[in-house]
């Protein structure tokens, strides 16, 4: 469900991103999608557990918990970036054809 939401977000950002921003706009949009993905994972807890129990699994270390979620978000980030890139490149190609 989270990945589907992020794919939708990536498609929308790829569609509304001003083409004049170029690579920097693409990187900014990719960073935004990653941060949304990371925040969604971190807010849900480990495997759906409450935050207190999730922290107990990580020995009450918030840094370890956030680091774990950053890794999980990084691994699940390929599909949203591919969608973002696909929409962005398609729009660039259409602009060049005009």
PDB file of N, CA and C in Angstrom:
ATOM      1  N   UNK A   1       0.822  -1.183   0.000  1.00  0.00           N
ATOM      2  CA  UNK A   1       0.000   0.000   0.000  1.00  0.00           C
ATOM      3  C   UNK A   1       0.877   1.264   0.000  1.00  0.00           C
ATOM      4  N   UNK A   2       1.948   1.230   0.769  1.00  0.00           N
ATOM      5  CA  UNK A   2       2.836   2.392   0.819  1.00  0.00           C
ATOM      6  C   UNK A   2       3.513   2.599  -0.533  1.00  0.00           C
ATOM      7  N   UNK A   3       3.970   1.520  -1.133  1.00  0.00           N
ATOM      8  CA  UNK A   3       4.653   1.642  -2.424  1.00  0.00           C
ATOM      9  C   UNK A   3       3.682   2.142  -3.489  1.00  0.00           C
ATOM     10  N   UNK A   4       2.443   1.664  -3.455  1.00  0.00           N
ATOM     11  CA  UNK A   4       1.450   2.126  -4.433  1.00  0.00           C
ATOM     12  C   UNK A   4       1.196   3.627  -4.281  1.00  0.00           C
ATOM     13  N   UNK A   5       1.102   4.093  -3.049  1.00  0.00           N
ATOM     14  CA  UNK A   5       0.918   5.516  -2.810  1.00  0.00           C
ATOM     15  C   UNK A   5       2.104   6.331  -3.281  1.00  0.00           C
ATOM     16  N   UNK A   6       3.302   5.805  -3.076  1.00  0.00           N
ATOM     17  CA  UNK A   6       4.501   6.520  -3.513  1.00  0.00           C
ATOM     18  C   UNK A   6       4.652   6.501  -5.025  1.00  0.00           C
ATOM     19  N   UNK A   7       4.225   5.419  -5.665  1.00  0.00           N
ATOM     20  CA  UNK A   7       4.246   5.381  -7.130  1.00  0.00           C
ATOM     21  C   UNK A   7       3.286   6.428  -7.681  1.00  0.00           C
ATOM     22  N   UNK A   8       2.120   6.541  -7.070  1.00  0.00           N
ATOM     23  CA  UNK A   8       1.160   7.559  -7.493  1.00  0.00           C
ATOM     24  C   UNK A   8       1.726   8.963  -7.273  1.00  0.00           C
ATOM     25  N   UNK A   9       2.337   9.181  -6.116  1.00  0.00           N
ATOM     26  CA  UNK A   9       2.970  10.473  -5.833  1.00  0.00           C
ATOM     27  C   UNK A   9       4.064  10.775  -6.853  1.00  0.00           C
ATOM     28  N   UNK A  10       4.876   9.773  -7.188  1.00  0.00           N
ATOM     29  CA  UNK A  10       5.951   9.972  -8.165  1.00  0.00           C
ATOM     30  C   UNK A  10       5.384  10.315  -9.533  1.00  0.00           C
ATOM     31  N   UNK A  11       4.297   9.645  -9.928  1.00  0.00           N
ATOM     32  CA  UNK A  11       3.690   9.940 -11.227  1.00  0.00           C
ATOM     33  C   UNK A  11       3.145  11.362 -11.255  1.00  0.00           C
ATOM     34  N   UNK A  12       2.502  11.784 -10.174  1.00  0.00           N
ATOM     35  CA  UNK A  12       1.952  13.145 -10.113  1.00  0.00           C
ATOM     36  C   UNK A  12       3.082  14.177 -10.135  1.00  0.00           C
ATOM     37  N   UNK A  13       4.126  13.939  -9.348  1.00  0.00           N
ATOM     38  CA  UNK A  13       5.251  14.880  -9.341  1.00  0.00           C
ATOM     39  C   UNK A  13       5.946  14.930 -10.698  1.00  0.00           C
ATOM     40  N   UNK A  14       6.087  13.779 -11.344  1.00  0.00           N
ATOM     41  CA  UNK A  14       6.690  13.763 -12.679  1.00  0.00           C
ATOM     42  C   UNK A  14       5.844  14.514 -13.689  1.00  0.00           C
ATOM     43  N   UNK A  15       4.548  14.529 -13.484  1.00  0.00           N
ATOM     44  CA  UNK A  15       3.656  15.212 -14.416  1.00  0.00           C
ATOM     45  C   UNK A  15       3.623  16.721 -14.184  1.00  0.00           C
ATOM     46  N   UNK A  16       3.672  17.161 -12.913  1.00  0.00           N
ATOM     47  CA  UNK A  16       3.540  18.594 -12.636  1.00  0.00           C
ATOM     48  C   UNK A  16       4.877  19.315 -12.504  1.00  0.00           C
ATOM     49  N   UNK A  17       5.965  18.573 -12.476  1.00  0.00           N
ATOM     50  CA  UNK A  17       7.293  19.174 -12.326  1.00  0.00           C
ATOM     51  C   UNK A  17       7.599  20.059 -13.525  1.00  0.00           C
ATOM     52  N   UNK A  18       7.936  21.334 -13.296  1.00  0.00           N
ATOM     53  CA  UNK A  18       8.283  22.200 -14.436  1.00  0.00           C
ATOM     54  C   UNK A  18       9.528  21.686 -15.148  1.00  0.00           C
ATOM     55  N   UNK A  19       9.451  21.552 -16.449  1.00  0.00           N
ATOM     56  CA  UNK A  19      10.567  20.997 -17.220  1.00  0.00           C
ATOM     57  C   UNK A  19      11.787  21.908 -17.195  1.00  0.00           C
ATOM     58  N   UNK A  20      11.592  23.190 -16.973  1.00  0.00           N
ATOM     59  CA  UNK A  20      12.738  24.106 -16.962  1.00  0.00           C
ATOM     60  C   UNK A  20      13.642  23.867 -15.753  1.00  0.00           C
ATOM     61  N   UNK A  21      13.142  23.156 -14.736  1.00  0.00           N
ATOM     62  CA  UNK A  21      13.975  22.850 -13.575  1.00  0.00           C
ATOM     63  C   UNK A  21      14.979  21.754 -13.889  1.00  0.00           C
ATOM     64  N   UNK A  22      14.720  20.956 -14.883  1.00  0.00           N
ATOM     65  CA  UNK A  22      15.656  19.946 -15.362  1.00  0.00           C
ATOM     66  C   UNK A  22      16.057  18.925 -14.311  1.00  0.00           C
ATOM     67  N   UNK A  23      17.344  18.641 -14.285  1.00  0.00           N
ATOM     68  CA  UNK A  23      17.877  17.598 -13.402  1.00  0.00           C
ATOM     69  C   UNK A  23      17.688  17.963 -11.934  1.00  0.00           C
ATOM     70  N   UNK A  24      17.864  19.234 -11.597  1.00  0.00           N
ATOM     71  CA  UNK A  24      17.729  19.628 -10.196  1.00  0.00           C
ATOM     72  C   UNK A  24      16.290  19.441  -9.714  1.00  0.00           C
ATOM     73  N   UNK A  25      15.329  19.728 -10.560  1.00  0.00           N
ATOM     74  CA  UNK A  25      13.930  19.493 -10.210  1.00  0.00           C
ATOM     75  C   UNK A  25      13.636  18.018 -10.046  1.00  0.00           C
ATOM     76  N   UNK A  26      14.220  17.200 -10.934  1.00  0.00           N
ATOM     77  CA  UNK A  26      14.042  15.756 -10.817  1.00  0.00           C
ATOM     78  C   UNK A  26      14.625  15.239  -9.502  1.00  0.00           C
ATOM     79  N   UNK A  27      15.825  15.692  -9.170  1.00  0.00           N
ATOM     80  CA  UNK A  27      16.445  15.250  -7.915  1.00  0.00           C
ATOM     81  C   UNK A  27      15.656  15.715  -6.702  1.00  0.00           C
ATOM     82  N   UNK A  28      15.124  16.915  -6.756  1.00  0.00           N
ATOM     83  CA  UNK A  28      14.297  17.425  -5.668  1.00  0.00           C
ATOM     84  C   UNK A  28      13.018  16.598  -5.527  1.00  0.00           C
ATOM     85  N   UNK A  29      12.402  16.257  -6.641  1.00  0.00           N
ATOM     86  CA  UNK A  29      11.198  15.424  -6.593  1.00  0.00           C
ATOM     87  C   UNK A  29      11.527  14.029  -6.068  1.00  0.00           C
ATOM     88  N   UNK A  30      12.653  13.462  -6.491  1.00  0.00           N
ATOM     89  CA  UNK A  30      13.055  12.137  -6.004  1.00  0.00           C
ATOM     90  C   UNK A  30      13.323  12.174  -4.502  1.00  0.00           C
ATOM     91  N   UNK A  31      13.960  13.225  -4.028  1.00  0.00           N
ATOM     92  CA  UNK A  31      14.196  13.375  -2.593  1.00  0.00           C
ATOM     93  C   UNK A  31      12.883  13.477  -1.836  1.00  0.00           C
ATOM     94  N   UNK A  32      11.940  14.228  -2.381  1.00  0.00           N
ATOM     95  CA  UNK A  32      10.626  14.352  -1.740  1.00  0.00           C
ATOM     96  C   UNK A  32       9.892  13.032  -1.656  1.00  0.00           C
ATOM     97  N   UNK A  33       9.940  12.243  -2.733  1.00  0.00           N
ATOM     98  CA  UNK A  33       9.283  10.935  -2.719  1.00  0.00           C
ATOM     99  C   UNK A  33       9.959  10.019  -1.710  1.00  0.00           C
ATOM    100  N   UNK A  34      11.295  10.059  -1.649  1.00  0.00           N
ATOM    101  CA  UNK A  34      12.006   9.224  -0.676  1.00  0.00           C
ATOM    102  C   UNK A  34      11.643   9.614   0.759  1.00  0.00           C
ATOM    103  N   UNK A  35      11.600  10.913   1.045  1.00  0.00           N
ATOM    104  CA  UNK A  35      11.284  11.349   2.405  1.00  0.00           C
ATOM    105  C   UNK A  35       9.858  10.973   2.802  1.00  0.00           C
ATOM    106  N   UNK A  36       8.928  11.043   1.867  1.00  0.00           N
ATOM    107  CA  UNK A  36       7.554  10.605   2.152  1.00  0.00           C
ATOM    108  C   UNK A  36       7.530   9.111   2.426  1.00  0.00           C
ATOM    109  N   UNK A  37       8.258   8.341   1.625  1.00  0.00           N
ATOM    110  CA  UNK A  37       8.334   6.888   1.813  1.00  0.00           C
ATOM    111  C   UNK A  37       8.948   6.547   3.173  1.00  0.00           C
ATOM    112  N   UNK A  38      10.043   7.222   3.515  1.00  0.00           N
ATOM    113  CA  UNK A  38      10.707   6.995   4.794  1.00  0.00           C
ATOM    114  C   UNK A  38       9.801   7.370   5.965  1.00  0.00           C
ATOM    115  N   UNK A  39       9.138   8.512   5.873  1.00  0.00           N
ATOM    116  CA  UNK A  39       8.262   8.952   6.965  1.00  0.00           C
ATOM    117  C   UNK A  39       7.091   7.994   7.154  1.00  0.00           C
ATOM    118  N   UNK A  40       6.551   7.493   6.061  1.00  0.00           N
ATOM    119  CA  UNK A  40       5.433   6.551   6.171  1.00  0.00           C
ATOM    120  C   UNK A  40       5.884   5.260   6.841  1.00  0.00           C
ATOM    121  N   UNK A  41       7.060   4.764   6.482  1.00  0.00           N
ATOM    122  CA  UNK A  41       7.559   3.537   7.099  1.00  0.00           C
ATOM    123  C   UNK A  41       7.891   3.743   8.574  1.00  0.00           C
ATOM    124  N   UNK A  42       8.533   4.850   8.888  1.00  0.00           N
ATOM    125  CA  UNK A  42       8.942   5.101  10.272  1.00  0.00           C
ATOM    126  C   UNK A  42       7.739   5.338  11.180  1.00  0.00           C
ATOM    127  N   UNK A  43       6.684   5.914  10.647  1.00  0.00           N
ATOM    128  CA  UNK A  43       5.530   6.218  11.492  1.00  0.00           C
ATOM    129  C   UNK A  43       4.680   4.986  11.786  1.00  0.00           C
ATOM    130  N   UNK A  44       4.805   3.938  10.995  1.00  0.00           N
ATOM    131  CA  UNK A  44       3.971   2.750  11.194  1.00  0.00           C
ATOM    132  C   UNK A  44       4.539   1.786  12.216  1.00  0.00           C
ATOM    133  N   UNK A  45       5.776   1.910  12.557  1.00  0.00           N
ATOM    134  CA  UNK A  45       6.372   0.965  13.490  1.00  0.00           C
ATOM    135  C   UNK A  45       6.890  -0.263  12.758  1.00  0.00           C
ATOM    136  N   UNK A  46       7.688  -1.052  13.445  1.00  0.00           N
ATOM    137  CA  UNK A  46       8.268  -2.253  12.853  1.00  0.00           C
ATOM    138  C   UNK A  46       7.183  -3.319  12.715  1.00  0.00           C
ATOM    139  N   UNK A  47       6.900  -3.722  11.496  1.00  0.00           N
ATOM    140  CA  UNK A  47       5.886  -4.737  11.198  1.00  0.00           C
ATOM    141  C   UNK A  47       4.530  -4.399  11.802  1.00  0.00           C
ATOM    142  N   UNK A  48       4.213  -3.112  11.897  1.00  0.00           N
ATOM    143  CA  UNK A  48       2.912  -2.689  12.401  1.00  0.00           C
ATOM    144  C   UNK A  48       2.792  -2.613  13.912  1.00  0.00           C
ATOM    145  N   UNK A  49       3.890  -2.831  14.623  1.00  0.00           N
ATOM    146  CA  UNK A  49       3.869  -2.746  16.093  1.00  0.00           C
ATOM    147  C   UNK A  49       3.812  -1.288  16.528  1.00  0.00           C
ATOM    148  N   UNK A  50       3.328  -1.036  17.731  1.00  0.00           N
ATOM    149  CA  UNK A  50       3.401   0.338  18.256  1.00  0.00           C
ATOM    150  C   UNK A  50       4.862   0.784  18.384  1.00  0.00           C
ATOM    151  N   UNK A  51       5.059   2.086  18.420  1.00  0.00           N
ATOM    152  CA  UNK A  51       6.416   2.627  18.438  1.00  0.00           C
ATOM    153  C   UNK A  51       7.207   2.160  19.663  1.00  0.00           C
ATOM    154  N   UNK A  52       6.562   2.078  20.819  1.00  0.00           N
ATOM    155  CA  UNK A  52       7.269   1.642  22.032  1.00  0.00           C
ATOM    156  C   UNK A  52       7.784   0.218  21.873  1.00  0.00           C
ATOM    157  N   UNK A  53       6.982  -0.661  21.317  1.00  0.00           N
ATOM    158  CA  UNK A  53       7.432  -2.044  21.120  1.00  0.00           C
ATOM    159  C   UNK A  53       8.482  -2.126  20.016  1.00  0.00           C
ATOM    160  N   UNK A  54       8.342  -1.289  19.007  1.00  0.00           N
ATOM    161  CA  UNK A  54       9.346  -1.262  17.940  1.00  0.00           C
ATOM    162  C   UNK A  54      10.695  -0.827  18.488  1.00  0.00           C
ATOM    163  N   UNK A  55      10.684   0.186  19.337  1.00  0.00           N
ATOM    164  CA  UNK A  55      11.944   0.641  19.931  1.00  0.00           C
ATOM    165  C   UNK A  55      12.536  -0.415  20.854  1.00  0.00           C
ATOM    166  N   UNK A  56      11.690  -1.192  21.525  1.00  0.00           N
ATOM    167  CA  UNK A  56      12.198  -2.270  22.382  1.00  0.00           C
ATOM    168  C   UNK A  56      12.957  -3.296  21.548  1.00  0.00           C
ATOM    169  N   UNK A  57      12.493  -3.561  20.338  1.00  0.00           N
ATOM    170  CA  UNK A  57      13.196  -4.495  19.457  1.00  0.00           C
ATOM    171  C   UNK A  57      14.557  -3.961  19.028  1.00  0.00           C
ATOM    172  N   UNK A  58      14.693  -2.656  18.993  1.00  0.00           N
ATOM    173  CA  UNK A  58      15.957  -2.020  18.617  1.00  0.00           C
ATOM    174  C   UNK A  58      16.706  -1.516  19.849  1.00  0.00           C
ATOM    175  N   UNK A  59      16.436  -2.114  20.996  1.00  0.00           N
ATOM    176  CA  UNK A  59      17.084  -1.796  22.270  1.00  0.00           C
ATOM    177  C   UNK A  59      16.939  -0.326  22.618  1.00  0.00           C
ATOM    178  N   UNK A  60      15.748   0.237  22.400  1.00  0.00           N
ATOM    179  CA  UNK A  60      15.406   1.625  22.712  1.00  0.00           C
ATOM    180  C   UNK A  60      16.318   2.644  22.029  1.00  0.00           C
ATOM    181  N   UNK A  61      16.829   2.277  20.880  1.00  0.00           N
ATOM    182  CA  UNK A  61      17.688   3.185  20.121  1.00  0.00           C
ATOM    183  C   UNK A  61      16.901   3.757  18.942  1.00  0.00           C
ATOM    184  N   UNK A  62      16.578   5.034  19.036  1.00  0.00           N
ATOM    185  CA  UNK A  62      15.849   5.687  17.960  1.00  0.00           C
ATOM    186  C   UNK A  62      16.712   5.763  16.699  1.00  0.00           C
ATOM    187  N   UNK A  63      18.023   5.940  16.878  1.00  0.00           N
ATOM    188  CA  UNK A  63      18.919   6.007  15.716  1.00  0.00           C
ATOM    189  C   UNK A  63      18.929   4.679  14.958  1.00  0.00           C
ATOM    190  N   UNK A  64      18.964   3.561  15.686  1.00  0.00           N
ATOM    191  CA  UNK A  64      18.938   2.254  15.025  1.00  0.00           C
ATOM    192  C   UNK A  64      17.603   2.028  14.323  1.00  0.00           C
ATOM    193  N   UNK A  65      16.516   2.436  14.948  1.00  0.00           N
ATOM    194  CA  UNK A  65      15.190   2.283  14.359  1.00  0.00           C
ATOM    195  C   UNK A  65      15.057   3.120  13.086  1.00  0.00           C
ATOM    196  N   UNK A  66      15.494   4.368  13.142  1.00  0.00           N
ATOM    197  CA  UNK A  66      15.423   5.227  11.960  1.00  0.00           C
ATOM    198  C   UNK A  66      16.385   4.759  10.865  1.00  0.00           C
ATOM    199  N   UNK A  67      17.544   4.270  11.267  1.00  0.00           N
ATOM    200  CA  UNK A  67      18.485   3.727  10.288  1.00  0.00           C
ATOM    201  C   UNK A  67      17.927   2.509   9.578  1.00  0.00           C
ATOM    202  N   UNK A  68      17.271   1.639  10.331  1.00  0.00           N
ATOM    203  CA  UNK A  68      16.640   0.463   9.728  1.00  0.00           C
ATOM    204  C   UNK A  68      15.563   0.892   8.737  1.00  0.00           C
ATOM    205  N   UNK A  69      14.742   1.861   9.137  1.00  0.00           N
ATOM    206  CA  UNK A  69      13.683   2.326   8.242  1.00  0.00           C
ATOM    207  C   UNK A  69      14.248   3.044   7.024  1.00  0.00           C
ATOM    208  N   UNK A  70      15.376   3.721   7.183  1.00  0.00           N
ATOM    209  CA  UNK A  70      16.010   4.364   6.031  1.00  0.00           C
ATOM    210  C   UNK A  70      16.482   3.305   5.029  1.00  0.00           C
ATOM    211  N   UNK A  71      17.013   2.189   5.529  1.00  0.00           N
ATOM    212  CA  UNK A  71      17.438   1.105   4.639  1.00  0.00           C
ATOM    213  C   UNK A  71      16.258   0.462   3.933  1.00  0.00           C
ATOM    214  N   UNK A  72      15.179   0.224   4.660  1.00  0.00           N
ATOM    215  CA  UNK A  72      13.991  -0.374   4.055  1.00  0.00           C
ATOM    216  C   UNK A  72      13.400   0.569   3.008  1.00  0.00           C
ATOM    217  N   UNK A  73      13.373   1.862   3.322  1.00  0.00           N
ATOM    218  CA  UNK A  73      12.852   2.833   2.362  1.00  0.00           C
ATOM    219  C   UNK A  73      13.747   2.891   1.126  1.00  0.00           C
ATOM    220  N   UNK A  74      15.048   2.786   1.310  1.00  0.00           N
ATOM    221  CA  UNK A  74      15.982   2.805   0.183  1.00  0.00           C
ATOM    222  C   UNK A  74      15.745   1.609  -0.734  1.00  0.00           C
ATOM    223  N   UNK A  75      15.513   0.448  -0.147  1.00  0.00           N
ATOM    224  CA  UNK A  75      15.297  -0.758  -0.951  1.00  0.00           C
ATOM    225  C   UNK A  75      13.971  -0.738  -1.690  1.00  0.00           C
ATOM    226  N   UNK A  76      12.963  -0.087  -1.123  1.00  0.00           N
ATOM    227  CA  UNK A  76      11.670  -0.029  -1.772  1.00  0.00           C
ATOM    228  C   UNK A  76      11.478   1.199  -2.638  1.00  0.00           C
ATOM    229  N   UNK A  77      12.552   1.891  -2.941  1.00  0.00           N
ATOM    230  CA  UNK A  77      12.487   3.181  -3.611  1.00  0.00           C
ATOM    231  C   UNK A  77      12.660   3.080  -5.124  1.00  0.00           C
ATOM    232  N   UNK A  78      13.019   1.915  -5.637  1.00  0.00           N
ATOM    233  CA  UNK A  78      13.329   1.780  -7.060  1.00  0.00           C
ATOM    234  C   UNK A  78      12.110   2.025  -7.941  1.00  0.00           C
ATOM    235  N   UNK A  79      10.990   1.415  -7.626  1.00  0.00           N
ATOM    236  CA  UNK A  79       9.811   1.560  -8.477  1.00  0.00           C
ATOM    237  C   UNK A  79       9.299   2.999  -8.531  1.00  0.00           C
ATOM    238  N   UNK A  80       9.172   3.713  -7.400  1.00  0.00           N
ATOM    239  CA  UNK A  80       8.751   5.112  -7.513  1.00  0.00           C
ATOM    240  C   UNK A  80       9.703   5.980  -8.332  1.00  0.00           C
ATOM    241  N   UNK A  81      11.008   5.757  -8.220  1.00  0.00           N
ATOM    242  CA  UNK A  81      11.959   6.561  -9.000  1.00  0.00           C
ATOM    243  C   UNK A  81      11.861   6.219 -10.484  1.00  0.00           C
ATOM    244  N   UNK A  82      11.638   4.947 -10.811  1.00  0.00           N
ATOM    245  CA  UNK A  82      11.469   4.578 -12.211  1.00  0.00           C
ATOM    246  C   UNK A  82      10.217   5.226 -12.803  1.00  0.00           C
ATOM    247  N   UNK A  83       9.142   5.278 -12.033  1.00  0.00           N
ATOM    248  CA  UNK A  83       7.926   5.927 -12.514  1.00  0.00           C
ATOM    249  C   UNK A  83       8.162   7.426 -12.686  1.00  0.00           C
ATOM    250  N   UNK A  84       8.788   8.047 -11.700  1.00  0.00           N
ATOM    251  CA  UNK A  84       9.099   9.472 -11.789  1.00  0.00           C
ATOM    252  C   UNK A  84       9.967   9.760 -13.011  1.00  0.00           C
ATOM    253  N   UNK A  85      10.987   8.959 -13.205  1.00  0.00           N
ATOM    254  CA  UNK A  85      11.880   9.163 -14.354  1.00  0.00           C
ATOM    255  C   UNK A  85      11.150   8.913 -15.668  1.00  0.00           C
ATOM    256  N   UNK A  86      10.326   7.873 -15.703  1.00  0.00           N
ATOM    257  CA  UNK A  86       9.602   7.568 -16.932  1.00  0.00           C
ATOM    258  C   UNK A  86       8.677   8.692 -17.362  1.00  0.00           C
ATOM    259  N   UNK A  87       7.924   9.223 -16.430  1.00  0.00           N
ATOM    260  CA  UNK A  87       7.011  10.322 -16.747  1.00  0.00           C
ATOM    261  C   UNK A  87       7.807  11.569 -17.140  1.00  0.00           C
ATOM    262  N   UNK A  88       8.862  11.851 -16.413  1.00  0.00           N
ATOM    263  CA  UNK A  88       9.671  13.039 -16.691  1.00  0.00           C
ATOM    264  C   UNK A  88      10.331  12.950 -18.068  1.00  0.00           C
ATOM    265  N   UNK A  89      10.911  11.809 -18.394  1.00  0.00           N
ATOM    266  CA  UNK A  89      11.568  11.635 -19.694  1.00  0.00           C
ATOM    267  C   UNK A  89      10.537  11.656 -20.816  1.00  0.00           C
ATOM    268  N   UNK A  90       9.362  11.073 -20.599  1.00  0.00           N
ATOM    269  CA  UNK A  90       8.301  11.109 -21.609  1.00  0.00           C
ATOM    270  C   UNK A  90       7.889  12.546 -21.904  1.00  0.00           C
ATOM    271  N   UNK A  91       7.760  13.358 -20.852  1.00  0.00           N
ATOM    272  CA  UNK A  91       7.409  14.770 -21.042  1.00  0.00           C
ATOM    273  C   UNK A  91       8.519  15.531 -21.756  1.00  0.00           C
ATOM    274  N   UNK A  92       9.778  15.239 -21.423  1.00  0.00           N
ATOM    275  CA  UNK A  92      10.889  15.883 -22.121  1.00  0.00           C
ATOM    276  C   UNK A  92      10.899  15.504 -23.601  1.00  0.00           C
ATOM    277  N   UNK A  93      10.631  14.255 -23.895  1.00  0.00           N
ATOM    278  CA  UNK A  93      10.586  13.802 -25.279  1.00  0.00           C
ATOM    279  C   UNK A  93       9.459  14.470 -26.059  1.00  0.00           C
ATOM    280  N   UNK A  94       8.329  14.656 -25.411  1.00  0.00           N
ATOM    281  CA  UNK A  94       7.216  15.334 -26.074  1.00  0.00           C
ATOM    282  C   UNK A  94       7.556  16.792 -26.345  1.00  0.00           C
ATOM    283  N   UNK A  95       8.269  17.424 -25.413  1.00  0.00           N
ATOM    284  CA  UNK A  95       8.638  18.822 -25.608  1.00  0.00           C
ATOM    285  C   UNK A  95       9.622  18.970 -26.759  1.00  0.00           C
ATOM    286  N   UNK A  96      10.555  18.042 -26.871  1.00  0.00           N
ATOM    287  CA  UNK A  96      11.543  18.100 -27.952  1.00  0.00           C
ATOM    288  C   UNK A  96      10.895  17.833 -29.313  1.00  0.00           C
ATOM    289  N   UNK A  97       9.831  17.038 -29.342  1.00  0.00           N
ATOM    290  CA  UNK A  97       9.163  16.701 -30.594  1.00  0.00           C
ATOM    291  C   UNK A  97       8.331  17.880 -31.123  1.00  0.00           C
ATOM    292  N   UNK A  98       7.958  18.784 -30.246  1.00  0.00           N
ATOM    293  CA  UNK A  98       7.112  19.912 -30.660  1.00  0.00           C
ATOM    294  C   UNK A  98       7.868  20.961 -31.401  1.00  0.00           C
TER     295      UNK A  98
END
